[in-house]
Amino acid sequence: MIIGVGVDAVEIDRFRRSLERTPSMKSRLFTSEELEYVEPHDDPTASLAARFAAREAVMKAMGVGLGAFEFHDVWVQRADSGRPTLVVTGRAEQIANELGVTDWHLSITHTDTTAIAYVIAVRSLP
């Protein structure tokens, strides 16, 4: 059963300018695992923007706003197959549990200009 759906789009150039203006933003927004994953990219901005969009999409899927949980409470992990998956911990996990969320579906993509994340929060039926 679907608990909620969230989608978010991030303008990559605008996100790039924010990261350049405030270099510490990377460590505030992203886990070390995410930063290690994007490090080999010539330009990791699009991948980081998609991961930021995923966090925002999770908030929307749960019906909460910015500040409901820390950015490190939700992050994107890659399965061996390459499939992106969500890791939900801390306050975000507490909110998800209160809503009855048992599983997450995530799709992320980007063009040259925009990064998009789509999240579905699901409750398993008995």
PDB file of N, CA and C in Angstrom:
ATOM      1  N   MET A   1       0.834  -1.159   0.000  1.00  0.00           N
ATOM      2  CA  MET A   1       0.000   0.000   0.000  1.00  0.00           C
ATOM      3  C   MET A   1       0.897   1.247   0.000  1.00  0.00           C
ATOM      4  N   ILE A   2       0.588   2.202  -0.838  1.00  0.00           N
ATOM      5  CA  ILE A   2       1.384   3.418  -0.933  1.00  0.00           C
ATOM      6  C   ILE A   2       1.018   4.368   0.204  1.00  0.00           C
ATOM      7  N   ILE A   3       2.024   4.768   0.954  1.00  0.00           N
ATOM      8  CA  ILE A   3       1.858   5.729   2.043  1.00  0.00           C
ATOM      9  C   ILE A   3       1.989   7.152   1.506  1.00  0.00           C
ATOM     10  N   GLY A   4       2.950   7.343   0.601  1.00  0.00           N
ATOM     11  CA  GLY A   4       3.173   8.666   0.049  1.00  0.00           C
ATOM     12  C   GLY A   4       4.098   8.636  -1.149  1.00  0.00           C
ATOM     13  N   VAL A   5       4.007   9.685  -1.946  1.00  0.00           N
ATOM     14  CA  VAL A   5       4.845   9.843  -3.133  1.00  0.00           C
ATOM     15  C   VAL A   5       5.496  11.220  -3.039  1.00  0.00           C
ATOM     16  N   GLY A   6       6.763  11.279  -3.369  1.00  0.00           N
ATOM     17  CA  GLY A   6       7.464  12.553  -3.377  1.00  0.00           C
ATOM     18  C   GLY A   6       8.324  12.674  -4.618  1.00  0.00           C
ATOM     19  N   VAL A   7       8.385  13.865  -5.160  1.00  0.00           N
ATOM     20  CA  VAL A   7       9.252  14.138  -6.308  1.00  0.00           C
ATOM     21  C   VAL A   7       9.917  15.488  -6.065  1.00  0.00           C
ATOM     22  N   ASP A   8      11.159  15.596  -6.500  1.00  0.00           N
ATOM     23  CA  ASP A   8      11.863  16.866  -6.376  1.00  0.00           C
ATOM     24  C   ASP A   8      12.797  17.031  -7.561  1.00  0.00           C
ATOM     25  N   ALA A   9      12.949  18.268  -8.000  1.00  0.00           N
ATOM     26  CA  ALA A   9      13.850  18.613  -9.094  1.00  0.00           C
ATOM     27  C   ALA A   9      14.807  19.692  -8.610  1.00  0.00           C
ATOM     28  N   VAL A  10      16.065  19.562  -8.977  1.00  0.00           N
ATOM     29  CA  VAL A  10      17.102  20.509  -8.579  1.00  0.00           C
ATOM     30  C   VAL A  10      17.793  21.026  -9.835  1.00  0.00           C
ATOM     31  N   GLU A  11      17.900  22.348  -9.943  1.00  0.00           N
ATOM     32  CA  GLU A  11      18.642  22.958 -11.043  1.00  0.00           C
ATOM     33  C   GLU A  11      20.137  22.782 -10.761  1.00  0.00           C
ATOM     34  N   ILE A  12      20.819  22.064 -11.635  1.00  0.00           N
ATOM     35  CA  ILE A  12      22.207  21.684 -11.390  1.00  0.00           C
ATOM     36  C   ILE A  12      23.127  22.900 -11.304  1.00  0.00           C
ATOM     37  N   ASP A  13      23.007  23.865 -12.201  1.00  0.00           N
ATOM     38  CA  ASP A  13      23.888  25.039 -12.147  1.00  0.00           C
ATOM     39  C   ASP A  13      23.689  25.837 -10.865  1.00  0.00           C
ATOM     40  N   ARG A  14      22.463  25.973 -10.448  1.00  0.00           N
ATOM     41  CA  ARG A  14      22.177  26.692  -9.199  1.00  0.00           C
ATOM     42  C   ARG A  14      22.778  25.946  -8.014  1.00  0.00           C
ATOM     43  N   PHE A  15      22.651  24.609  -8.019  1.00  0.00           N
ATOM     44  CA  PHE A  15      23.218  23.782  -6.961  1.00  0.00           C
ATOM     45  C   PHE A  15      24.749  23.907  -6.975  1.00  0.00           C
ATOM     46  N   ARG A  16      25.357  23.912  -8.160  1.00  0.00           N
ATOM     47  CA  ARG A  16      26.802  24.056  -8.294  1.00  0.00           C
ATOM     48  C   ARG A  16      27.266  25.381  -7.661  1.00  0.00           C
ATOM     49  N   ARG A  17      26.561  26.462  -7.967  1.00  0.00           N
ATOM     50  CA  ARG A  17      26.922  27.763  -7.405  1.00  0.00           C
ATOM     51  C   ARG A  17      26.832  27.744  -5.878  1.00  0.00           C
ATOM     52  N   SER A  18      25.818  27.085  -5.345  1.00  0.00           N
ATOM     53  CA  SER A  18      25.684  26.977  -3.884  1.00  0.00           C
ATOM     54  C   SER A  18      26.864  26.221  -3.280  1.00  0.00           C
ATOM     55  N   LEU A  19      27.258  25.124  -3.920  1.00  0.00           N
ATOM     56  CA  LEU A  19      28.393  24.341  -3.425  1.00  0.00           C
ATOM     57  C   LEU A  19      29.694  25.127  -3.516  1.00  0.00           C
ATOM     58  N   GLU A  20      29.853  25.928  -4.568  1.00  0.00           N
ATOM     59  CA  GLU A  20      31.065  26.743  -4.720  1.00  0.00           C
ATOM     60  C   GLU A  20      31.109  27.865  -3.684  1.00  0.00           C
ATOM     61  N   ARG A  21      29.961  28.479  -3.418  1.00  0.00           N
ATOM     62  CA  ARG A  21      29.877  29.563  -2.437  1.00  0.00           C
ATOM     63  C   ARG A  21      30.137  29.063  -1.020  1.00  0.00           C
ATOM     64  N   THR A  22      29.639  27.857  -0.743  1.00  0.00           N
ATOM     65  CA  THR A  22      29.731  27.303   0.614  1.00  0.00           C
ATOM     66  C   THR A  22      30.280  25.876   0.536  1.00  0.00           C
ATOM     67  N   PRO A  23      31.599  25.729   0.438  1.00  0.00           N
ATOM     68  CA  PRO A  23      32.193  24.391   0.296  1.00  0.00           C
ATOM     69  C   PRO A  23      31.829  23.418   1.421  1.00  0.00           C
ATOM     70  N   SER A  24      31.603  23.930   2.634  1.00  0.00           N
ATOM     71  CA  SER A  24      31.259  23.041   3.752  1.00  0.00           C
ATOM     72  C   SER A  24      29.880  22.410   3.583  1.00  0.00           C
ATOM     73  N   MET A  25      29.111  22.928   2.631  1.00  0.00           N
ATOM     74  CA  MET A  25      27.762  22.401   2.388  1.00  0.00           C
ATOM     75  C   MET A  25      27.801  20.920   2.008  1.00  0.00           C
ATOM     76  N   LYS A  26      28.850  20.506   1.295  1.00  0.00           N
ATOM     77  CA  LYS A  26      28.947  19.092   0.884  1.00  0.00           C
ATOM     78  C   LYS A  26      28.903  18.167   2.087  1.00  0.00           C
ATOM     79  N   SER A  27      29.716  18.466   3.094  1.00  0.00           N
ATOM     80  CA  SER A  27      29.748  17.569   4.254  1.00  0.00           C
ATOM     81  C   SER A  27      28.504  17.714   5.126  1.00  0.00           C
ATOM     82  N   ARG A  28      27.845  18.864   5.084  1.00  0.00           N
ATOM     83  CA  ARG A  28      26.599  19.036   5.842  1.00  0.00           C
ATOM     84  C   ARG A  28      25.451  18.268   5.204  1.00  0.00           C
ATOM     85  N   LEU A  29      25.442  18.189   3.866  1.00  0.00           N
ATOM     86  CA  LEU A  29      24.328  17.554   3.169  1.00  0.00           C
ATOM     87  C   LEU A  29      24.534  16.074   2.900  1.00  0.00           C
ATOM     88  N   PHE A  30      25.779  15.659   2.663  1.00  0.00           N
ATOM     89  CA  PHE A  30      26.033  14.315   2.158  1.00  0.00           C
ATOM     90  C   PHE A  30      26.900  13.494   3.096  1.00  0.00           C
ATOM     91  N   THR A  31      26.650  12.191   3.094  1.00  0.00           N
ATOM     92  CA  THR A  31      27.442  11.278   3.919  1.00  0.00           C
ATOM     93  C   THR A  31      28.789  11.033   3.251  1.00  0.00           C
ATOM     94  N   SER A  32      29.722  10.530   4.026  1.00  0.00           N
ATOM     95  CA  SER A  32      31.040  10.221   3.467  1.00  0.00           C
ATOM     96  C   SER A  32      30.928   9.150   2.373  1.00  0.00           C
ATOM     97  N   GLU A  33      29.993   8.228   2.523  1.00  0.00           N
ATOM     98  CA  GLU A  33      29.795   7.195   1.501  1.00  0.00           C
ATOM     99  C   GLU A  33      29.356   7.810   0.174  1.00  0.00           C
ATOM    100  N   GLU A  34      28.443   8.771   0.245  1.00  0.00           N
ATOM    101  CA  GLU A  34      27.990   9.434  -0.983  1.00  0.00           C
ATOM    102  C   GLU A  34      29.126  10.226  -1.621  1.00  0.00           C
ATOM    103  N   LEU A  35      29.884  10.931  -0.811  1.00  0.00           N
ATOM    104  CA  LEU A  35      30.987  11.732  -1.347  1.00  0.00           C
ATOM    105  C   LEU A  35      32.058  10.836  -1.966  1.00  0.00           C
ATOM    106  N   GLU A  36      32.311   9.686  -1.361  1.00  0.00           N
ATOM    107  CA  GLU A  36      33.269   8.727  -1.933  1.00  0.00           C
ATOM    108  C   GLU A  36      32.752   8.191  -3.270  1.00  0.00           C
ATOM    109  N   TYR A  37      31.463   7.929  -3.363  1.00  0.00           N
ATOM    110  CA  TYR A  37      30.883   7.408  -4.604  1.00  0.00           C
ATOM    111  C   TYR A  37      31.047   8.394  -5.757  1.00  0.00           C
ATOM    112  N   VAL A  38      30.821   9.679  -5.513  1.00  0.00           N
ATOM    113  CA  VAL A  38      30.862  10.668  -6.603  1.00  0.00           C
ATOM    114  C   VAL A  38      32.269  11.196  -6.872  1.00  0.00           C
ATOM    115  N   GLU A  39      33.197  10.951  -5.974  1.00  0.00           N
ATOM    116  CA  GLU A  39      34.557  11.492  -6.108  1.00  0.00           C
ATOM    117  C   GLU A  39      35.220  11.200  -7.455  1.00  0.00           C
ATOM    118  N   PRO A  40      35.101   9.985  -8.002  1.00  0.00           N
ATOM    119  CA  PRO A  40      35.760   9.712  -9.289  1.00  0.00           C
ATOM    120  C   PRO A  40      35.161  10.459 -10.489  1.00  0.00           C
ATOM    121  N   HIS A  41      33.959  10.995 -10.353  1.00  0.00           N
ATOM    122  CA  HIS A  41      33.331  11.720 -11.454  1.00  0.00           C
ATOM    123  C   HIS A  41      34.117  12.995 -11.775  1.00  0.00           C
ATOM    124  N   ASP A  42      34.247  13.316 -13.056  1.00  0.00           N
ATOM    125  CA  ASP A  42      34.887  14.571 -13.448  1.00  0.00           C
ATOM    126  C   ASP A  42      34.138  15.756 -12.856  1.00  0.00           C
ATOM    127  N   ASP A  43      32.816  15.686 -12.900  1.00  0.00           N
ATOM    128  CA  ASP A  43      31.970  16.722 -12.309  1.00  0.00           C
ATOM    129  C   ASP A  43      30.856  16.025 -11.535  1.00  0.00           C
ATOM    130  N   PRO A  44      31.008  15.931 -10.211  1.00  0.00           N
ATOM    131  CA  PRO A  44      30.023  15.199  -9.414  1.00  0.00           C
ATOM    132  C   PRO A  44      28.744  15.976  -9.107  1.00  0.00           C
ATOM    133  N   THR A  45      28.634  17.214  -9.586  1.00  0.00           N
ATOM    134  CA  THR A  45      27.519  18.065  -9.181  1.00  0.00           C
ATOM    135  C   THR A  45      26.160  17.466  -9.519  1.00  0.00           C
ATOM    136  N   ALA A  46      25.994  16.903 -10.709  1.00  0.00           N
ATOM    137  CA  ALA A  46      24.693  16.343 -11.091  1.00  0.00           C
ATOM    138  C   ALA A  46      24.314  15.176 -10.184  1.00  0.00           C
ATOM    139  N   SER A  47      25.281  14.325  -9.854  1.00  0.00           N
ATOM    140  CA  SER A  47      25.003  13.195  -8.958  1.00  0.00           C
ATOM    141  C   SER A  47      24.662  13.672  -7.552  1.00  0.00           C
ATOM    142  N   LEU A  48      25.362  14.692  -7.084  1.00  0.00           N
ATOM    143  CA  LEU A  48      25.051  15.240  -5.765  1.00  0.00           C
ATOM    144  C   LEU A  48      23.677  15.905  -5.766  1.00  0.00           C
ATOM    145  N   ALA A  49      23.362  16.621  -6.830  1.00  0.00           N
ATOM    146  CA  ALA A  49      22.045  17.270  -6.923  1.00  0.00           C
ATOM    147  C   ALA A  49      20.933  16.227  -6.898  1.00  0.00           C
ATOM    148  N   ALA A  50      21.139  15.094  -7.565  1.00  0.00           N
ATOM    149  CA  ALA A  50      20.130  14.027  -7.561  1.00  0.00           C
ATOM    150  C   ALA A  50      19.966  13.456  -6.162  1.00  0.00           C
ATOM    151  N   ARG A  51      21.057  13.333  -5.426  1.00  0.00           N
ATOM    152  CA  ARG A  51      20.981  12.817  -4.061  1.00  0.00           C
ATOM    153  C   ARG A  51      20.296  13.813  -3.130  1.00  0.00           C
ATOM    154  N   PHE A  52      20.534  15.094  -3.357  1.00  0.00           N
ATOM    155  CA  PHE A  52      19.824  16.111  -2.588  1.00  0.00           C
ATOM    156  C   PHE A  52      18.330  16.044  -2.901  1.00  0.00           C
ATOM    157  N   ALA A  53      17.991  15.903  -4.170  1.00  0.00           N
ATOM    158  CA  ALA A  53      16.586  15.792  -4.575  1.00  0.00           C
ATOM    159  C   ALA A  53      15.932  14.583  -3.912  1.00  0.00           C
ATOM    160  N   ALA A  54      16.679  13.492  -3.747  1.00  0.00           N
ATOM    161  CA  ALA A  54      16.134  12.294  -3.102  1.00  0.00           C
ATOM    162  C   ALA A  54      15.722  12.591  -1.662  1.00  0.00           C
ATOM    163  N   ARG A  55      16.536  13.357  -0.948  1.00  0.00           N
ATOM    164  CA  ARG A  55      16.190  13.708   0.430  1.00  0.00           C
ATOM    165  C   ARG A  55      14.899  14.524   0.467  1.00  0.00           C
ATOM    166  N   GLU A  56      14.820  15.494  -0.425  1.00  0.00           N
ATOM    167  CA  GLU A  56      13.622  16.333  -0.489  1.00  0.00           C
ATOM    168  C   GLU A  56      12.398  15.498  -0.862  1.00  0.00           C
ATOM    169  N   ALA A  57      12.566  14.555  -1.779  1.00  0.00           N
ATOM    170  CA  ALA A  57      11.455  13.697  -2.189  1.00  0.00           C
ATOM    171  C   ALA A  57      10.995  12.803  -1.045  1.00  0.00           C
ATOM    172  N   VAL A  58      11.917  12.349  -0.210  1.00  0.00           N
ATOM    173  CA  VAL A  58      11.546  11.554   0.968  1.00  0.00           C
ATOM    174  C   VAL A  58      10.697  12.401   1.915  1.00  0.00           C
ATOM    175  N   MET A  59      11.098  13.653   2.136  1.00  0.00           N
ATOM    176  CA  MET A  59      10.315  14.535   2.994  1.00  0.00           C
ATOM    177  C   MET A  59       8.895  14.680   2.458  1.00  0.00           C
ATOM    178  N   LYS A  60       8.784  14.858   1.169  1.00  0.00           N
ATOM    179  CA  LYS A  60       7.465  15.026   0.553  1.00  0.00           C
ATOM    180  C   LYS A  60       6.650  13.735   0.642  1.00  0.00           C
ATOM    181  N   ALA A  61       7.296  12.603   0.452  1.00  0.00           N
ATOM    182  CA  ALA A  61       6.582  11.323   0.531  1.00  0.00           C
ATOM    183  C   ALA A  61       6.034  11.085   1.934  1.00  0.00           C
ATOM    184  N   MET A  62       6.735  11.612   2.945  1.00  0.00           N
ATOM    185  CA  MET A  62       6.280  11.444   4.321  1.00  0.00           C
ATOM    186  C   MET A  62       5.399  12.597   4.781  1.00  0.00           C
ATOM    187  N   GLY A  63       5.246  13.611   3.934  1.00  0.00           N
ATOM    188  CA  GLY A  63       4.384  14.731   4.280  1.00  0.00           C
ATOM    189  C   GLY A  63       4.971  15.646   5.335  1.00  0.00           C
ATOM    190  N   VAL A  64       6.303  15.730   5.391  1.00  0.00           N
ATOM    191  CA  VAL A  64       6.962  16.613   6.352  1.00  0.00           C
ATOM    192  C   VAL A  64       7.779  17.653   5.591  1.00  0.00           C
ATOM    193  N   GLY A  65       8.135  18.707   6.286  1.00  0.00           N
ATOM    194  CA  GLY A  65       8.890  19.775   5.653  1.00  0.00           C
ATOM    195  C   GLY A  65      10.359  19.737   6.007  1.00  0.00           C
ATOM    196  N   LEU A  66      11.074  20.674   5.418  1.00  0.00           N
ATOM    197  CA  LEU A  66      12.493  20.850   5.669  1.00  0.00           C
ATOM    198  C   LEU A  66      12.717  21.049   7.164  1.00  0.00           C
ATOM    199  N   GLY A  67      13.675  20.328   7.709  1.00  0.00           N
ATOM    200  CA  GLY A  67      13.971  20.430   9.133  1.00  0.00           C
ATOM    201  C   GLY A  67      13.337  19.338   9.976  1.00  0.00           C
ATOM    202  N   ALA A  68      12.495  18.518   9.374  1.00  0.00           N
ATOM    203  CA  ALA A  68      11.868  17.430  10.126  1.00  0.00           C
ATOM    204  C   ALA A  68      12.897  16.385  10.556  1.00  0.00           C
ATOM    205  N   PHE A  69      13.975  16.274   9.787  1.00  0.00           N
ATOM    206  CA  PHE A  69      15.077  15.384  10.129  1.00  0.00           C
ATOM    207  C   PHE A  69      16.356  15.930   9.520  1.00  0.00           C
ATOM    208  N   GLU A  70      17.476  15.396   9.970  1.00  0.00           N
ATOM    209  CA  GLU A  70      18.786  15.837   9.482  1.00  0.00           C
ATOM    210  C   GLU A  70      19.047  15.275   8.082  1.00  0.00           C
ATOM    211  N   PHE A  71      19.829  15.994   7.299  1.00  0.00           N
ATOM    212  CA  PHE A  71      20.125  15.533   5.942  1.00  0.00           C
ATOM    213  C   PHE A  71      20.860  14.201   5.937  1.00  0.00           C
ATOM    214  N   HIS A  72      21.677  13.927   6.938  1.00  0.00           N
ATOM    215  CA  HIS A  72      22.397  12.651   6.991  1.00  0.00           C
ATOM    216  C   HIS A  72      21.500  11.494   7.421  1.00  0.00           C
ATOM    217  N   ASP A  73      20.262  11.782   7.810  1.00  0.00           N
ATOM    218  CA  ASP A  73      19.328  10.727   8.193  1.00  0.00           C
ATOM    219  C   ASP A  73      18.806   9.957   6.983  1.00  0.00           C
ATOM    220  N   VAL A  74      18.935  10.544   5.803  1.00  0.00           N
ATOM    221  CA  VAL A  74      18.512   9.886   4.559  1.00  0.00           C
ATOM    222  C   VAL A  74      19.649  10.040   3.558  1.00  0.00           C
ATOM    223  N   TRP A  75      20.047   8.928   2.960  1.00  0.00           N
ATOM    224  CA  TRP A  75      21.073   9.033   1.937  1.00  0.00           C
ATOM    225  C   TRP A  75      20.899   7.934   0.897  1.00  0.00           C
ATOM    226  N   VAL A  76      21.548   8.138  -0.242  1.00  0.00           N
ATOM    227  CA  VAL A  76      21.413   7.225  -1.379  1.00  0.00           C
ATOM    228  C   VAL A  76      22.615   6.289  -1.412  1.00  0.00           C
ATOM    229  N   GLN A  77      22.305   5.015  -1.503  1.00  0.00           N
ATOM    230  CA  GLN A  77      23.311   3.965  -1.602  1.00  0.00           C
ATOM    231  C   GLN A  77      23.109   3.245  -2.927  1.00  0.00           C
ATOM    232  N   ARG A  78      24.170   2.750  -3.522  1.00  0.00           N
ATOM    233  CA  ARG A  78      24.055   2.009  -4.780  1.00  0.00           C
ATOM    234  C   ARG A  78      24.201   0.524  -4.508  1.00  0.00           C
ATOM    235  N   ALA A  79      23.244  -0.258  -5.007  1.00  0.00           N
ATOM    236  CA  ALA A  79      23.357  -1.713  -4.929  1.00  0.00           C
ATOM    237  C   ALA A  79      24.430  -2.158  -5.924  1.00  0.00           C
ATOM    238  N   ASP A  80      24.903  -3.373  -5.785  1.00  0.00           N
ATOM    239  CA  ASP A  80      25.907  -3.891  -6.724  1.00  0.00           C
ATOM    240  C   ASP A  80      25.418  -3.822  -8.163  1.00  0.00           C
ATOM    241  N   SER A  81      24.111  -3.924  -8.343  1.00  0.00           N
ATOM    242  CA  SER A  81      23.525  -3.855  -9.684  1.00  0.00           C
ATOM    243  C   SER A  81      23.537  -2.430 -10.249  1.00  0.00           C
ATOM    244  N   GLY A  82      23.803  -1.443  -9.362  1.00  0.00           N
ATOM    245  CA  GLY A  82      23.755  -0.041  -9.774  1.00  0.00           C
ATOM    246  C   GLY A  82      22.474   0.653  -9.368  1.00  0.00           C
ATOM    247  N   ARG A  83      21.501  -0.120  -8.932  1.00  0.00           N
ATOM    248  CA  ARG A  83      20.212   0.438  -8.517  1.00  0.00           C
ATOM    249  C   ARG A  83      20.378   1.331  -7.289  1.00  0.00           C
ATOM    250  N   PRO A  84      19.841   2.555  -7.342  1.00  0.00           N
ATOM    251  CA  PRO A  84      19.916   3.409  -6.158  1.00  0.00           C
ATOM    252  C   PRO A  84      18.882   2.964  -5.124  1.00  0.00           C
ATOM    253  N   THR A  85      19.296   2.950  -3.881  1.00  0.00           N
ATOM    254  CA  THR A  85      18.392   2.616  -2.786  1.00  0.00           C
ATOM    255  C   THR A  85      18.537   3.682  -1.702  1.00  0.00           C
ATOM    256  N   LEU A  86      17.539   3.781  -0.863  1.00  0.00           N
ATOM    257  CA  LEU A  86      17.562   4.743   0.227  1.00  0.00           C
ATOM    258  C   LEU A  86      17.997   4.075   1.523  1.00  0.00           C
ATOM    259  N   VAL A  87      18.797   4.789   2.278  1.00  0.00           N
ATOM    260  CA  VAL A  87      19.110   4.419   3.646  1.00  0.00           C
ATOM    261  C   VAL A  87      18.422   5.469   4.509  1.00  0.00           C
ATOM    262  N   VAL A  88      17.542   5.020   5.407  1.00  0.00           N
ATOM    263  CA  VAL A  88      16.762   5.936   6.230  1.00  0.00           C
ATOM    264  C   VAL A  88      17.058   5.606   7.693  1.00  0.00           C
ATOM    265  N   THR A  89      17.602   6.596   8.413  1.00  0.00           N
ATOM    266  CA  THR A  89      18.025   6.388   9.796  1.00  0.00           C
ATOM    267  C   THR A  89      17.533   7.543  10.671  1.00  0.00           C
ATOM    268  N   GLY A  90      17.857   7.477  11.947  1.00  0.00           N
ATOM    269  CA  GLY A  90      17.611   8.583  12.862  1.00  0.00           C
ATOM    270  C   GLY A  90      16.158   9.028  12.907  1.00  0.00           C
ATOM    271  N   ARG A  91      15.962  10.337  12.967  1.00  0.00           N
ATOM    272  CA  ARG A  91      14.611  10.911  13.068  1.00  0.00           C
ATOM    273  C   ARG A  91      13.774  10.562  11.849  1.00  0.00           C
ATOM    274  N   ALA A  92      14.391  10.513  10.670  1.00  0.00           N
ATOM    275  CA  ALA A  92      13.645  10.141   9.458  1.00  0.00           C
ATOM    276  C   ALA A  92      13.083   8.727   9.585  1.00  0.00           C
ATOM    277  N   GLU A  93      13.860   7.826  10.141  1.00  0.00           N
ATOM    278  CA  GLU A  93      13.391   6.453  10.345  1.00  0.00           C
ATOM    279  C   GLU A  93      12.249   6.422  11.360  1.00  0.00           C
ATOM    280  N   GLN A  94      12.339   7.233  12.407  1.00  0.00           N
ATOM    281  CA  GLN A  94      11.262   7.299  13.401  1.00  0.00           C
ATOM    282  C   GLN A  94       9.955   7.765  12.757  1.00  0.00           C
ATOM    283  N   ILE A  95      10.040   8.807  11.949  1.00  0.00           N
ATOM    284  CA  ILE A  95       8.843   9.315  11.267  1.00  0.00           C
ATOM    285  C   ILE A  95       8.282   8.240  10.336  1.00  0.00           C
ATOM    286  N   ALA A  96       9.161   7.602   9.580  1.00  0.00           N
ATOM    287  CA  ALA A  96       8.724   6.544   8.663  1.00  0.00           C
ATOM    288  C   ALA A  96       8.023   5.419   9.423  1.00  0.00           C
ATOM    289  N   ASN A  97       8.590   5.026  10.561  1.00  0.00           N
ATOM    290  CA  ASN A  97       7.976   3.963  11.371  1.00  0.00           C
ATOM    291  C   ASN A  97       6.605   4.383  11.879  1.00  0.00           C
ATOM    292  N   GLU A  98       6.478   5.640  12.310  1.00  0.00           N
ATOM    293  CA  GLU A  98       5.182   6.141  12.782  1.00  0.00           C
ATOM    294  C   GLU A  98       4.129   6.105  11.671  1.00  0.00           C
ATOM    295  N   LEU A  99       4.569   6.323  10.442  1.00  0.00           N
ATOM    296  CA  LEU A  99       3.661   6.285   9.288  1.00  0.00           C
ATOM    297  C   LEU A  99       3.401   4.864   8.796  1.00  0.00           C
ATOM    298  N   GLY A 100       4.197   3.914   9.283  1.00  0.00           N
ATOM    299  CA  GLY A 100       4.046   2.532   8.854  1.00  0.00           C
ATOM    300  C   GLY A 100       4.814   2.191   7.582  1.00  0.00           C
ATOM    301  N   VAL A 101       5.780   3.019   7.208  1.00  0.00           N
ATOM    302  CA  VAL A 101       6.569   2.751   5.999  1.00  0.00           C
ATOM    303  C   VAL A 101       7.467   1.550   6.236  1.00  0.00           C
ATOM    304  N   THR A 102       7.379   0.573   5.345  1.00  0.00           N
ATOM    305  CA  THR A 102       8.217  -0.623   5.447  1.00  0.00           C
ATOM    306  C   THR A 102       9.191  -0.758   4.291  1.00  0.00           C
ATOM    307  N   ASP A 103       8.989   0.023   3.233  1.00  0.00           N
ATOM    308  CA  ASP A 103       9.872  -0.078   2.075  1.00  0.00           C
ATOM    309  C   ASP A 103       9.853   1.238   1.309  1.00  0.00           C
ATOM    310  N   TRP A 104      10.909   1.464   0.561  1.00  0.00           N
ATOM    311  CA  TRP A 104      11.065   2.674  -0.250  1.00  0.00           C
ATOM    312  C   TRP A 104      11.391   2.283  -1.684  1.00  0.00           C
ATOM    313  N   HIS A 105      10.861   3.040  -2.612  1.00  0.00           N
ATOM    314  CA  HIS A 105      11.233   2.907  -4.021  1.00  0.00           C
ATOM    315  C   HIS A 105      11.796   4.252  -4.449  1.00  0.00           C
ATOM    316  N   LEU A 106      12.951   4.227  -5.091  1.00  0.00           N
ATOM    317  CA  LEU A 106      13.641   5.446  -5.480  1.00  0.00           C
ATOM    318  C   LEU A 106      14.063   5.375  -6.928  1.00  0.00           C
ATOM    319  N   SER A 107      13.835   6.453  -7.646  1.00  0.00           N
ATOM    320  CA  SER A 107      14.378   6.622  -8.988  1.00  0.00           C
ATOM    321  C   SER A 107      15.018   8.002  -9.053  1.00  0.00           C
ATOM    322  N   ILE A 108      16.271   8.056  -9.504  1.00  0.00           N
ATOM    323  CA  ILE A 108      16.945   9.340  -9.675  1.00  0.00           C
ATOM    324  C   ILE A 108      17.486   9.420 -11.095  1.00  0.00           C
ATOM    325  N   THR A 109      17.516  10.625 -11.620  1.00  0.00           N
ATOM    326  CA  THR A 109      18.041  10.845 -12.959  1.00  0.00           C
ATOM    327  C   THR A 109      18.483  12.297 -13.071  1.00  0.00           C
ATOM    328  N   HIS A 110      19.230  12.587 -14.118  1.00  0.00           N
ATOM    329  CA  HIS A 110      19.580  13.978 -14.373  1.00  0.00           C
ATOM    330  C   HIS A 110      19.858  14.186 -15.853  1.00  0.00           C
ATOM    331  N   THR A 111      19.599  15.411 -16.275  1.00  0.00           N
ATOM    332  CA  THR A 111      19.971  15.865 -17.607  1.00  0.00           C
ATOM    333  C   THR A 111      21.159  16.807 -17.411  1.00  0.00           C
ATOM    334  N   ASP A 112      21.507  17.557 -18.417  1.00  0.00           N
ATOM    335  CA  ASP A 112      22.581  18.533 -18.266  1.00  0.00           C
ATOM    336  C   ASP A 112      22.186  19.670 -17.329  1.00  0.00           C
ATOM    337  N   THR A 113      20.880  19.884 -17.166  1.00  0.00           N
ATOM    338  CA  THR A 113      20.429  21.051 -16.407  1.00  0.00           C
ATOM    339  C   THR A 113      19.667  20.733 -15.125  1.00  0.00           C
ATOM    340  N   THR A 114      19.066  19.552 -15.032  1.00  0.00           N
ATOM    341  CA  THR A 114      18.158  19.263 -13.923  1.00  0.00           C
ATOM    342  C   THR A 114      18.377  17.849 -13.379  1.00  0.00           C
ATOM    343  N   ALA A 115      18.360  17.742 -12.050  1.00  0.00           N
ATOM    344  CA  ALA A 115      18.391  16.442 -11.371  1.00  0.00           C
ATOM    345  C   ALA A 115      17.020  16.210 -10.755  1.00  0.00           C
ATOM    346  N   ILE A 116      16.525  14.985 -10.885  1.00  0.00           N
ATOM    347  CA  ILE A 116      15.187  14.660 -10.408  1.00  0.00           C
ATOM    348  C   ILE A 116      15.228  13.374  -9.585  1.00  0.00           C
ATOM    349  N   ALA A 117      14.454  13.377  -8.504  1.00  0.00           N
ATOM    350  CA  ALA A 117      14.282  12.164  -7.697  1.00  0.00           C
ATOM    351  C   ALA A 117      12.800  11.931  -7.484  1.00  0.00           C
ATOM    352  N   TYR A 118      12.425  10.664  -7.544  1.00  0.00           N
ATOM    353  CA  TYR A 118      11.049  10.236  -7.354  1.00  0.00           C
ATOM    354  C   TYR A 118      11.073   9.148  -6.287  1.00  0.00           C
ATOM    355  N   VAL A 119      10.290   9.322  -5.228  1.00  0.00           N
ATOM    356  CA  VAL A 119      10.285   8.389  -4.102  1.00  0.00           C
ATOM    357  C   VAL A 119       8.859   7.932  -3.823  1.00  0.00           C
ATOM    358  N   ILE A 120       8.720   6.639  -3.578  1.00  0.00           N
ATOM    359  CA  ILE A 120       7.440   6.087  -3.135  1.00  0.00           C
ATOM    360  C   ILE A 120       7.671   5.392  -1.793  1.00  0.00           C
ATOM    361  N   ALA A 121       6.906   5.799  -0.800  1.00  0.00           N
ATOM    362  CA  ALA A 121       6.948   5.172   0.524  1.00  0.00           C
ATOM    363  C   ALA A 121       5.829   4.140   0.579  1.00  0.00           C
ATOM    364  N   VAL A 122       6.159   2.921   0.969  1.00  0.00           N
ATOM    365  CA  VAL A 122       5.230   1.799   0.907  1.00  0.00           C
ATOM    366  C   VAL A 122       5.097   1.126   2.274  1.00  0.00           C
ATOM    367  N   ARG A 123       3.880   0.658   2.550  1.00  0.00           N
ATOM    368  CA  ARG A 123       3.622  -0.196   3.711  1.00  0.00           C
ATOM    369  C   ARG A 123       3.257  -1.570   3.180  1.00  0.00           C
ATOM    370  N   SER A 124       3.966  -2.588   3.639  1.00  0.00           N
ATOM    371  CA  SER A 124       3.665  -3.956   3.233  1.00  0.00           C
ATOM    372  C   SER A 124       2.315  -4.355   3.804  1.00  0.00           C
ATOM    373  N   LEU A 125       1.531  -5.054   3.001  1.00  0.00           N
ATOM    374  CA  LEU A 125       0.244  -5.548   3.469  1.00  0.00           C
ATOM    375  C   LEU A 125       0.452  -6.858   4.212  1.00  0.00           C
ATOM    376  N   PRO A 126      -0.344  -7.080   5.265  1.00  0.00           N
ATOM    377  CA  PRO A 126      -0.186  -8.324   6.057  1.00  0.00           C
ATOM    378  C   PRO A 126      -0.541  -9.560   5.245  1.00  0.00           C
TER     379      PRO A 126
END
